[in-house]
Structures are given as structure tokens and as C-alpha cells.
Amino acid sequence: MTGAFALGQAGLLKDTECTTHWRCVKELQIQFPAARVVADILFVKSNNVYTSAGISAGIDLALAILEDLKGPLFTHKVARGLVVYHRRSGKHNQQSIYLDYRNHINPQVHEVQDYLIDNLSKENDIETLASLAGMSARNLSRVFKEKTGSTILEHLTLLRKEYASTMLNNP
């Protein structure tokens, strides 16, 4: 299971908010009914007990602890050194626009997705994206929708919303 289960076994989750990986939330609540299990959140700090929703969320938790101890500038430098592009707060949910739409192996669509992430504020017209992918605009639109389940514009809008949410939740 996860580290939260070890904390529960040790009796540290009684009357304490906690979280775990989304696949284990229900089981954690069943095994430790006195715990206040929070679903769909990256990490929780409660009653001097820190829990996260997995390894990646653990990095976000570690950065949050570091920020409490050393401040945002120091933490920013550490995050850059770790090549962590976005420090997420505990309020972020466990779904990720950066992962949920990449469950395919099409390298051209991955290249377009990476370009969009790096160029959120640009116009990002279909001709430029199609040229980047080495496809016609019509074919790129069709393949992108087929592989990701969303249009390029829908995907770009979700990326921009996620970025705005990240900026609002971070100093």
C-alpha cells in the first residue's frame, strides 16, 4: 500500500486529515475510520502529520515543507535544480492536464503538446503547429483529437487554466 497505511497502523491518523494515492483512498478510509481521508488532493499537513498522494505529490509536499522552513526563493532554486517545472500546492487535485492527455505514443502529437506547454501565451495557430508536426493542418487536427480525445484548442485552454490555477496557488 502506501505510507499513509503505516501511519494508520501506528495510530497517527486518528482525527487527522490525510490523503493517499487515488487508488487507495477508499481502502485507507475503510481500514482507519477515525482518519479524515481527503480524496483528490495532492498533500495534507494536519496535526503534525504530512501525507501525500504518491511519489510525485511527495515532491510537492517536500517543496512545501522546504518553503515553510527556508522561504519561496530558496525553494524555487531547489525546484529548478530538480527540474520540477510546476510547484503545485496541496489544493491541486490528483488529475493532471500534463499527464491525462498523453496516454498515447504519437511523437508528433507529443511534440505539439510540449510546444503548447512552452508557448501558452502565443497565438499557436494551426499552421505553425502543423508545420512543427510535419502534417497538414487538417490531419493534425484529426490525429490530435483521435489521440487525446480533445481538440487542440480545448487542450490549450485546459493548459492555460491549469497554469493560471498554479500561479494563483503559488507565491
Protein backbone atom coordinates (compact mmCIF):
# COMPACT_ATOMS: atom_id res chain seq x y z
CA MET A 1 0.00 0.00 0.00
CA THR A 2 1.28 3.50 0.83
CA GLY A 3 2.99 5.30 3.70
CA ALA A 4 -0.38 6.56 4.95
CA PHE A 5 -1.25 2.98 5.88
CA ALA A 6 1.90 2.75 8.02
CA LEU A 7 0.87 5.97 9.75
CA GLY A 8 -2.59 4.50 10.32
CA GLN A 9 -1.11 1.29 11.75
CA ALA A 10 0.97 3.43 14.11
CA GLY A 11 -2.19 5.19 15.30
CA LEU A 12 -1.15 8.58 13.91
CA LEU A 13 -4.19 9.20 11.70
CA LYS A 14 -6.90 9.32 14.37
CA ASP A 15 -8.83 12.59 13.99
CA THR A 16 -6.25 13.73 11.43
CA GLU A 17 -6.80 14.84 7.85
CA CYS A 18 -4.74 12.75 5.46
CA THR A 19 -4.56 11.65 1.86
CA THR A 20 -3.06 8.92 -0.25
CA HIS A 21 -2.88 7.84 -3.88
CA TRP A 22 -6.31 7.98 -5.51
CA ARG A 23 -6.34 4.19 -5.97
CA CYS A 24 -6.01 3.66 -2.20
CA VAL A 25 -8.29 6.37 -0.75
CA LYS A 26 -11.31 4.12 -0.21
CA GLU A 27 -9.24 1.34 1.40
CA LEU A 28 -7.48 3.83 3.71
CA GLN A 29 -10.85 5.13 4.95
CA ILE A 30 -12.13 1.57 5.47
CA GLN A 31 -9.06 0.44 7.41
CA PHE A 32 -8.81 3.63 9.50
CA PRO A 33 -12.32 5.02 10.01
CA ALA A 34 -11.10 7.56 12.60
CA ALA A 35 -8.91 9.19 9.95
CA ARG A 36 -10.34 12.08 7.95
CA VAL A 37 -9.27 10.93 4.49
CA VAL A 38 -9.33 13.65 1.85
CA ALA A 39 -9.66 12.47 -1.74
CA ASP A 40 -8.37 14.16 -4.89
CA ILE A 41 -5.81 16.42 -3.25
CA LEU A 42 -2.01 16.31 -3.58
CA PHE A 43 -0.96 16.58 0.05
CA VAL A 44 -2.20 17.39 3.53
CA LYS A 45 -0.48 18.79 6.61
CA SER A 46 -2.58 18.05 9.70
CA ASN A 47 -1.75 17.55 13.38
CA ASN A 48 1.97 17.43 12.59
CA VAL A 49 1.35 14.54 10.17
CA TYR A 50 2.12 15.05 6.50
CA THR A 51 0.69 12.76 3.81
CA SER A 52 0.79 12.90 0.03
CA ALA A 53 -0.94 11.29 -2.91
CA GLY A 54 2.09 9.40 -4.14
CA ILE A 55 5.70 9.93 -5.14
CA SER A 56 5.24 12.95 -7.41
CA ALA A 57 2.92 14.59 -4.90
CA GLY A 58 5.55 13.80 -2.26
CA ILE A 59 7.96 16.04 -4.14
CA ASP A 60 5.36 18.82 -4.00
CA LEU A 61 4.94 18.18 -0.26
CA ALA A 62 8.71 18.24 0.29
CA LEU A 63 8.92 21.58 -1.54
CA ALA A 64 6.05 22.97 0.58
CA ILE A 65 7.84 21.93 3.77
CA LEU A 66 11.06 23.45 2.47
CA GLU A 67 9.23 26.68 1.64
CA ASP A 68 7.87 26.84 5.20
CA LEU A 69 11.42 26.45 6.53
CA LYS A 70 13.53 28.44 4.05
CA GLY A 71 11.15 30.63 2.02
CA PRO A 72 9.94 30.74 -1.59
CA LEU A 73 13.15 31.95 -3.28
CA PHE A 74 15.27 29.15 -1.84
CA THR A 75 12.55 26.62 -2.68
CA HIS A 76 12.32 27.93 -6.24
CA LYS A 77 16.05 27.31 -6.69
CA VAL A 78 15.70 23.77 -5.36
CA ALA A 79 12.72 23.10 -7.65
CA ARG A 80 14.70 24.31 -10.67
CA GLY A 81 17.61 22.08 -9.66
CA LEU A 82 15.23 19.12 -9.51
CA VAL A 83 13.81 20.10 -12.91
CA VAL A 84 10.35 20.37 -11.38
CA TYR A 85 8.56 22.70 -13.72
CA HIS A 86 5.48 23.50 -11.68
CA ARG A 87 5.35 23.56 -7.90
CA ARG A 88 1.82 22.58 -7.02
CA SER A 89 0.08 23.41 -3.78
CA GLY A 90 -1.73 20.84 -1.68
CA LYS A 91 -5.01 22.18 -3.06
CA HIS A 92 -4.30 20.89 -6.56
CA ASN A 93 -6.24 17.77 -7.41
CA GLN A 94 -4.63 14.49 -8.40
CA GLN A 95 -5.59 14.74 -12.06
CA SER A 96 -3.05 16.43 -14.29
CA ILE A 97 -3.53 18.02 -17.69
CA TYR A 98 0.16 17.28 -18.25
CA LEU A 99 -0.44 13.53 -17.93
CA ASP A 100 -4.10 12.79 -18.64
CA TYR A 101 -3.90 13.65 -22.34
CA ARG A 102 -0.59 11.86 -23.01
CA ASN A 103 -1.81 8.28 -22.85
CA HIS A 104 -0.76 7.76 -26.45
CA ILE A 105 2.54 7.14 -28.21
CA ASN A 106 2.25 9.52 -31.14
CA PRO A 107 5.51 11.53 -31.14
CA GLN A 108 4.12 14.30 -33.37
CA VAL A 109 1.21 14.94 -31.01
CA HIS A 110 3.63 14.83 -28.05
CA GLU A 111 5.75 17.44 -29.80
CA VAL A 112 2.72 19.69 -30.31
CA GLN A 113 1.67 19.19 -26.67
CA ASP A 114 5.18 20.09 -25.46
CA TYR A 115 5.23 23.16 -27.70
CA LEU A 116 1.85 24.31 -26.36
CA ILE A 117 3.06 23.93 -22.76
CA ASP A 118 6.13 26.04 -23.52
CA ASN A 119 4.22 28.66 -25.52
CA LEU A 120 0.96 29.24 -23.64
CA SER A 121 0.85 32.98 -24.27
CA LYS A 122 1.45 32.75 -28.02
CA GLU A 123 -1.19 32.68 -30.73
CA ASN A 124 -0.45 29.00 -31.53
CA ASP A 125 -2.14 28.96 -34.93
CA ILE A 126 -2.87 25.59 -36.53
CA GLU A 127 -0.47 26.20 -39.44
CA THR A 128 2.51 26.65 -37.10
CA LEU A 129 1.57 23.57 -35.10
CA ALA A 130 1.02 21.51 -38.24
CA SER A 131 4.42 22.55 -39.60
CA LEU A 132 6.00 21.56 -36.29
CA ALA A 133 4.38 18.11 -36.53
CA GLY A 134 5.14 17.72 -40.23
CA MET A 135 1.46 17.30 -41.08
CA SER A 136 -1.27 19.24 -42.79
CA ALA A 137 -3.44 21.34 -40.52
CA ARG A 138 -6.44 19.12 -41.20
CA ASN A 139 -4.52 15.92 -40.49
CA LEU A 140 -3.02 17.31 -37.28
CA SER A 141 -6.47 18.34 -36.05
CA ARG A 142 -7.82 14.87 -36.79
CA VAL A 143 -4.87 12.97 -35.28
CA PHE A 144 -4.70 15.20 -32.18
CA LYS A 145 -8.41 14.65 -31.45
CA GLU A 146 -8.08 10.92 -32.10
CA LYS A 147 -5.07 10.51 -29.79
CA THR A 148 -6.03 12.87 -26.93
CA GLY A 149 -9.82 12.96 -27.03
CA SER A 150 -9.81 16.76 -27.24
CA THR A 151 -9.28 19.37 -29.89
CA ILE A 152 -6.09 21.40 -29.91
CA LEU A 153 -7.99 24.49 -28.77
CA GLU A 154 -9.68 22.59 -25.92
CA HIS A 155 -6.30 21.22 -24.85
CA LEU A 156 -4.65 24.65 -24.99
CA THR A 157 -7.50 26.12 -22.93
CA LEU A 158 -7.07 23.40 -20.27
CA LEU A 159 -3.31 24.06 -20.19
CA ARG A 160 -3.88 27.78 -19.73
CA LYS A 161 -6.42 27.18 -16.94
CA GLU A 162 -4.01 24.83 -15.16
CA TYR A 163 -1.21 27.37 -15.44
CA ALA A 164 -3.45 30.13 -14.09
CA SER A 165 -4.52 27.89 -11.21
CA THR A 166 -0.88 27.09 -10.42
CA MET A 167 0.04 30.77 -10.43
CA LEU A 168 -2.88 31.63 -8.13
CA ASN A 169 -1.87 28.92 -5.64
CA ASN A 170 1.83 29.77 -5.53
CA PRO A 171 3.56 32.92 -4.29
